[in-house]
Amino acid sequence: MLAIGRRGTPRVLQVPGEDLPKVVYRLIDPEQYRGQHVLVVGGGDSALEAASSIADVHGTTVTLSYRADVFGRARAKNRDRVAAAAEAGRLNVLLSSTVVQIDATQVTLMTHGGYRTIQNNAVIVCAGGILPTKFLQDIGIDVETKFGTA
């Protein structure tokens, strides 16, 4: 048996500047972003947890960008936490937005209102992962996906 977990290889945005060192694919410690302008990309639990955790750090400016118009995949408690942080002015939420370019000091997003550029020191992409299913099948491994039990 080979247990590879659920994360796999992080899904990338495929935009110019994504190879900059300021772009990462998971949150390690919210405190490391104190005093910075941070963009979190994604709409699942990982993204919402990262954004709200960093927003709790004094002196940060946090923007959460998600391509859809609602956080449909995230748990209610994470949606509530993001809503509370946004209402308190600690988190900027940009729904229906996509990153189009990452530069050293800013990020450009496409929104319904057109292009929007924000000041930025760090980008955290929480867009899921790509499992090596095809590779494993190509080398003769039968892959059986389990989604949990009742």
C-alpha atoms as a PDB file:
ATOM      1  CA  MET A   1       0.000   0.000   0.000  1.00  0.00           C
ATOM      2  CA  LEU A   2       1.146   3.493  -0.819  1.00  0.00           C
ATOM      3  CA  ALA A   3      -0.540   6.330   1.114  1.00  0.00           C
ATOM      4  CA  ILE A   4       0.161   9.636  -0.605  1.00  0.00           C
ATOM      5  CA  GLY A   5      -2.225  11.869   1.298  1.00  0.00           C
ATOM      6  CA  ARG A   6      -4.546  14.454  -0.194  1.00  0.00           C
ATOM      7  CA  ARG A   7      -2.294  17.402  -0.941  1.00  0.00           C
ATOM      8  CA  GLY A   8      -0.161  16.209  -3.864  1.00  0.00           C
ATOM      9  CA  THR A   9       1.709  18.829  -5.870  1.00  0.00           C
ATOM     10  CA  PRO A  10       0.320  22.317  -5.177  1.00  0.00           C
ATOM     11  CA  ARG A  11      -1.898  23.672  -7.951  1.00  0.00           C
ATOM     12  CA  VAL A  12      -0.253  26.737  -9.445  1.00  0.00           C
ATOM     13  CA  LEU A  13      -1.845  29.881 -10.856  1.00  0.00           C
ATOM     14  CA  GLN A  14       0.254  29.921 -14.047  1.00  0.00           C
ATOM     15  CA  VAL A  15       0.682  33.692 -14.016  1.00  0.00           C
ATOM     16  CA  PRO A  16       3.754  35.866 -14.554  1.00  0.00           C
ATOM     17  CA  GLY A  17       5.713  36.357 -11.340  1.00  0.00           C
ATOM     18  CA  GLU A  18       4.489  33.221  -9.605  1.00  0.00           C
ATOM     19  CA  ASP A  19       8.105  32.041  -9.466  1.00  0.00           C
ATOM     20  CA  LEU A  20       9.073  34.933  -7.144  1.00  0.00           C
ATOM     21  CA  PRO A  21      10.298  33.858  -3.691  1.00  0.00           C
ATOM     22  CA  LYS A  22       7.414  35.696  -2.020  1.00  0.00           C
ATOM     23  CA  VAL A  23       4.921  33.150  -3.416  1.00  0.00           C
ATOM     24  CA  VAL A  24       4.243  30.088  -1.239  1.00  0.00           C
ATOM     25  CA  TYR A  25       1.615  27.354  -1.210  1.00  0.00           C
ATOM     26  CA  ARG A  26       0.806  26.943   2.460  1.00  0.00           C
ATOM     27  CA  LEU A  27       0.800  28.946   5.658  1.00  0.00           C
ATOM     28  CA  ILE A  28       3.419  28.011   8.236  1.00  0.00           C
ATOM     29  CA  ASP A  29       3.246  30.829  10.797  1.00  0.00           C
ATOM     30  CA  PRO A  30       0.926  33.850  10.564  1.00  0.00           C
ATOM     31  CA  GLU A  31       3.334  35.905  12.701  1.00  0.00           C
ATOM     32  CA  GLN A  32       5.943  35.897   9.927  1.00  0.00           C
ATOM     33  CA  TYR A  33       3.669  38.264   7.984  1.00  0.00           C
ATOM     34  CA  ARG A  34       3.444  40.942  10.695  1.00  0.00           C
ATOM     35  CA  GLY A  35       3.518  44.381   9.103  1.00  0.00           C
ATOM     36  CA  GLN A  36       3.146  43.042   5.551  1.00  0.00           C
ATOM     37  CA  HIS A  37       0.599  43.229   2.749  1.00  0.00           C
ATOM     38  CA  VAL A  38      -0.472  39.625   2.123  1.00  0.00           C
ATOM     39  CA  LEU A  39      -2.632  38.125  -0.610  1.00  0.00           C
ATOM     40  CA  VAL A  40      -4.227  34.728   0.028  1.00  0.00           C
ATOM     41  CA  VAL A  41      -5.633  33.002  -3.046  1.00  0.00           C
ATOM     42  CA  GLY A  42      -8.333  30.325  -2.813  1.00  0.00           C
ATOM     43  CA  GLY A  43     -11.799  29.614  -1.508  1.00  0.00           C
ATOM     44  CA  GLY A  44     -11.521  26.410   0.486  1.00  0.00           C
ATOM     45  CA  ASP A  45     -10.911  25.862   4.170  1.00  0.00           C
ATOM     46  CA  SER A  46      -7.104  26.216   3.868  1.00  0.00           C
ATOM     47  CA  ALA A  47      -7.393  29.620   2.223  1.00  0.00           C
ATOM     48  CA  LEU A  48     -10.012  30.936   4.627  1.00  0.00           C
ATOM     49  CA  GLU A  49      -8.082  29.674   7.654  1.00  0.00           C
ATOM     50  CA  ALA A  50      -4.842  31.229   6.360  1.00  0.00           C
ATOM     51  CA  ALA A  51      -6.438  34.586   5.575  1.00  0.00           C
ATOM     52  CA  SER A  52      -8.262  34.898   8.882  1.00  0.00           C
ATOM     53  CA  SER A  53      -5.215  33.751  10.877  1.00  0.00           C
ATOM     54  CA  ILE A  54      -2.969  36.334   9.247  1.00  0.00           C
ATOM     55  CA  ALA A  55      -5.674  38.990   9.665  1.00  0.00           C
ATOM     56  CA  ASP A  56      -5.490  38.339  13.414  1.00  0.00           C
ATOM     57  CA  VAL A  57      -1.829  39.458  13.396  1.00  0.00           C
ATOM     58  CA  HIS A  58      -1.543  43.140  14.281  1.00  0.00           C
ATOM     59  CA  GLY A  59      -0.186  45.345  11.512  1.00  0.00           C
ATOM     60  CA  THR A  60      -0.996  43.120   8.553  1.00  0.00           C
ATOM     61  CA  THR A  61      -3.054  44.042   5.518  1.00  0.00           C
ATOM     62  CA  VAL A  62      -4.701  40.892   4.183  1.00  0.00           C
ATOM     63  CA  THR A  63      -6.625  40.387   0.963  1.00  0.00           C
ATOM     64  CA  LEU A  64      -8.416  37.133   0.152  1.00  0.00           C
ATOM     65  CA  SER A  65      -9.006  36.522  -3.564  1.00  0.00           C
ATOM     66  CA  TYR A  66     -11.351  33.820  -4.826  1.00  0.00           C
ATOM     67  CA  ARG A  67     -12.501  33.152  -8.383  1.00  0.00           C
ATOM     68  CA  ALA A  68     -16.119  32.347  -7.486  1.00  0.00           C
ATOM     69  CA  ASP A  69     -18.755  34.676  -6.041  1.00  0.00           C
ATOM     70  CA  VAL A  70     -19.262  32.665  -2.812  1.00  0.00           C
ATOM     71  CA  PHE A  71     -17.177  30.417  -0.565  1.00  0.00           C
ATOM     72  CA  GLY A  72     -19.248  27.331  -1.318  1.00  0.00           C
ATOM     73  CA  ARG A  73     -16.636  24.682  -0.438  1.00  0.00           C
ATOM     74  CA  ALA A  74     -15.547  26.018   2.943  1.00  0.00           C
ATOM     75  CA  ARG A  75     -16.980  25.066   6.321  1.00  0.00           C
ATOM     76  CA  ALA A  76     -19.462  27.441   7.902  1.00  0.00           C
ATOM     77  CA  LYS A  77     -17.140  28.235  10.832  1.00  0.00           C
ATOM     78  CA  ASN A  78     -14.411  29.374   8.407  1.00  0.00           C
ATOM     79  CA  ARG A  79     -16.865  31.443   6.347  1.00  0.00           C
ATOM     80  CA  ASP A  80     -18.103  33.054   9.571  1.00  0.00           C
ATOM     81  CA  ARG A  81     -14.561  33.822  10.727  1.00  0.00           C
ATOM     82  CA  VAL A  82     -13.725  35.466   7.370  1.00  0.00           C
ATOM     83  CA  ALA A  83     -16.968  37.460   7.437  1.00  0.00           C
ATOM     84  CA  ALA A  84     -16.214  38.702  10.962  1.00  0.00           C
ATOM     85  CA  ALA A  85     -12.662  39.728  10.010  1.00  0.00           C
ATOM     86  CA  ALA A  86     -13.946  41.512   6.909  1.00  0.00           C
ATOM     87  CA  GLU A  87     -16.662  43.284   8.896  1.00  0.00           C
ATOM     88  CA  ALA A  88     -14.057  44.393  11.445  1.00  0.00           C
ATOM     89  CA  GLY A  89     -11.899  45.813   8.637  1.00  0.00           C
ATOM     90  CA  ARG A  90      -9.038  43.357   9.183  1.00  0.00           C
ATOM     91  CA  LEU A  91      -9.555  41.444   5.912  1.00  0.00           C
ATOM     92  CA  ASN A  92     -10.339  42.551   2.361  1.00  0.00           C
ATOM     93  CA  VAL A  93     -12.357  39.942   0.457  1.00  0.00           C
ATOM     94  CA  LEU A  94     -12.319  40.017  -3.348  1.00  0.00           C
ATOM     95  CA  LEU A  95     -14.796  37.477  -4.690  1.00  0.00           C
ATOM     96  CA  SER A  96     -15.014  36.811  -8.435  1.00  0.00           C
ATOM     97  CA  SER A  97     -11.370  37.794  -8.797  1.00  0.00           C
ATOM     98  CA  THR A  98      -8.332  36.143 -10.343  1.00  0.00           C
ATOM     99  CA  VAL A  99      -4.641  36.909 -10.108  1.00  0.00           C
ATOM    100  CA  VAL A 100      -3.197  37.965 -13.460  1.00  0.00           C
ATOM    101  CA  GLN A 101       0.308  39.086 -12.473  1.00  0.00           C
ATOM    102  CA  ILE A 102       2.604  39.071  -9.458  1.00  0.00           C
ATOM    103  CA  ASP A 103       5.382  41.653  -9.174  1.00  0.00           C
ATOM    104  CA  ALA A 104       7.974  42.337  -6.483  1.00  0.00           C
ATOM    105  CA  THR A 105       5.838  44.956  -4.686  1.00  0.00           C
ATOM    106  CA  GLN A 106       2.317  44.454  -6.040  1.00  0.00           C
ATOM    107  CA  VAL A 107      -0.221  42.016  -7.463  1.00  0.00           C
ATOM    108  CA  THR A 108      -2.676  42.680 -10.274  1.00  0.00           C
ATOM    109  CA  LEU A 109      -6.074  40.988 -10.186  1.00  0.00           C
ATOM    110  CA  MET A 110      -8.977  40.866 -12.625  1.00  0.00           C
ATOM    111  CA  THR A 111     -12.320  41.661 -10.990  1.00  0.00           C
ATOM    112  CA  HIS A 112     -15.805  42.405 -12.332  1.00  0.00           C
ATOM    113  CA  GLY A 113     -14.797  46.061 -12.215  1.00  0.00           C
ATOM    114  CA  GLY A 114     -11.644  45.526 -14.295  1.00  0.00           C
ATOM    115  CA  TYR A 115      -8.013  45.283 -13.307  1.00  0.00           C
ATOM    116  CA  ARG A 116      -7.087  46.085  -9.719  1.00  0.00           C
ATOM    117  CA  THR A 117      -3.513  46.419  -8.433  1.00  0.00           C
ATOM    118  CA  ILE A 118      -2.763  46.050  -4.741  1.00  0.00           C
ATOM    119  CA  GLN A 119       0.391  46.586  -2.719  1.00  0.00           C
ATOM    120  CA  ASN A 120       1.926  43.236  -1.802  1.00  0.00           C
ATOM    121  CA  ASN A 121       4.797  41.626   0.100  1.00  0.00           C
ATOM    122  CA  ALA A 122       3.658  37.985   0.107  1.00  0.00           C
ATOM    123  CA  VAL A 123       1.290  35.656  -1.752  1.00  0.00           C
ATOM    124  CA  ILE A 124      -0.091  32.411  -0.298  1.00  0.00           C
ATOM    125  CA  VAL A 125      -1.773  30.192  -2.885  1.00  0.00           C
ATOM    126  CA  CYS A 126      -4.250  27.722  -1.369  1.00  0.00           C
ATOM    127  CA  ALA A 127      -5.714  26.316  -4.570  1.00  0.00           C
ATOM    128  CA  GLY A 128      -5.524  22.616  -3.789  1.00  0.00           C
ATOM    129  CA  GLY A 129      -3.181  20.002  -5.095  1.00  0.00           C
ATOM    130  CA  ILE A 130      -2.693  17.697  -8.039  1.00  0.00           C
ATOM    131  CA  LEU A 131      -2.236  14.044  -7.163  1.00  0.00           C
ATOM    132  CA  PRO A 132       0.220  11.939  -9.211  1.00  0.00           C
ATOM    133  CA  THR A 133      -2.560   9.524 -10.205  1.00  0.00           C
ATOM    134  CA  LYS A 134      -1.572   9.188 -13.881  1.00  0.00           C
ATOM    135  CA  PHE A 135       2.080   8.608 -12.996  1.00  0.00           C
ATOM    136  CA  LEU A 136       1.151   5.882 -10.524  1.00  0.00           C
ATOM    137  CA  GLN A 137      -1.161   4.209 -13.041  1.00  0.00           C
ATOM    138  CA  ASP A 138       1.520   4.432 -15.749  1.00  0.00           C
ATOM    139  CA  ILE A 139       3.941   2.464 -13.570  1.00  0.00           C
ATOM    140  CA  GLY A 140       1.351  -0.222 -12.921  1.00  0.00           C
ATOM    141  CA  ILE A 141      -0.138   0.803  -9.593  1.00  0.00           C
ATOM    142  CA  ASP A 142      -3.898   0.377  -9.207  1.00  0.00           C
ATOM    143  CA  VAL A 143      -5.318   3.523  -7.644  1.00  0.00           C
ATOM    144  CA  GLU A 144      -8.393   3.314  -5.455  1.00  0.00           C
ATOM    145  CA  THR A 145      -9.763   6.582  -4.138  1.00  0.00           C
ATOM    146  CA  LYS A 146     -11.454   6.622  -0.745  1.00  0.00           C
ATOM    147  CA  PHE A 147     -13.685   9.525   0.237  1.00  0.00           C
ATOM    148  CA  GLY A 148     -14.287   8.473   3.824  1.00  0.00           C
ATOM    149  CA  THR A 149     -16.962   6.397   5.459  1.00  0.00           C
ATOM    150  CA  ALA A 150     -20.241   7.233   7.111  1.00  0.00           C
END
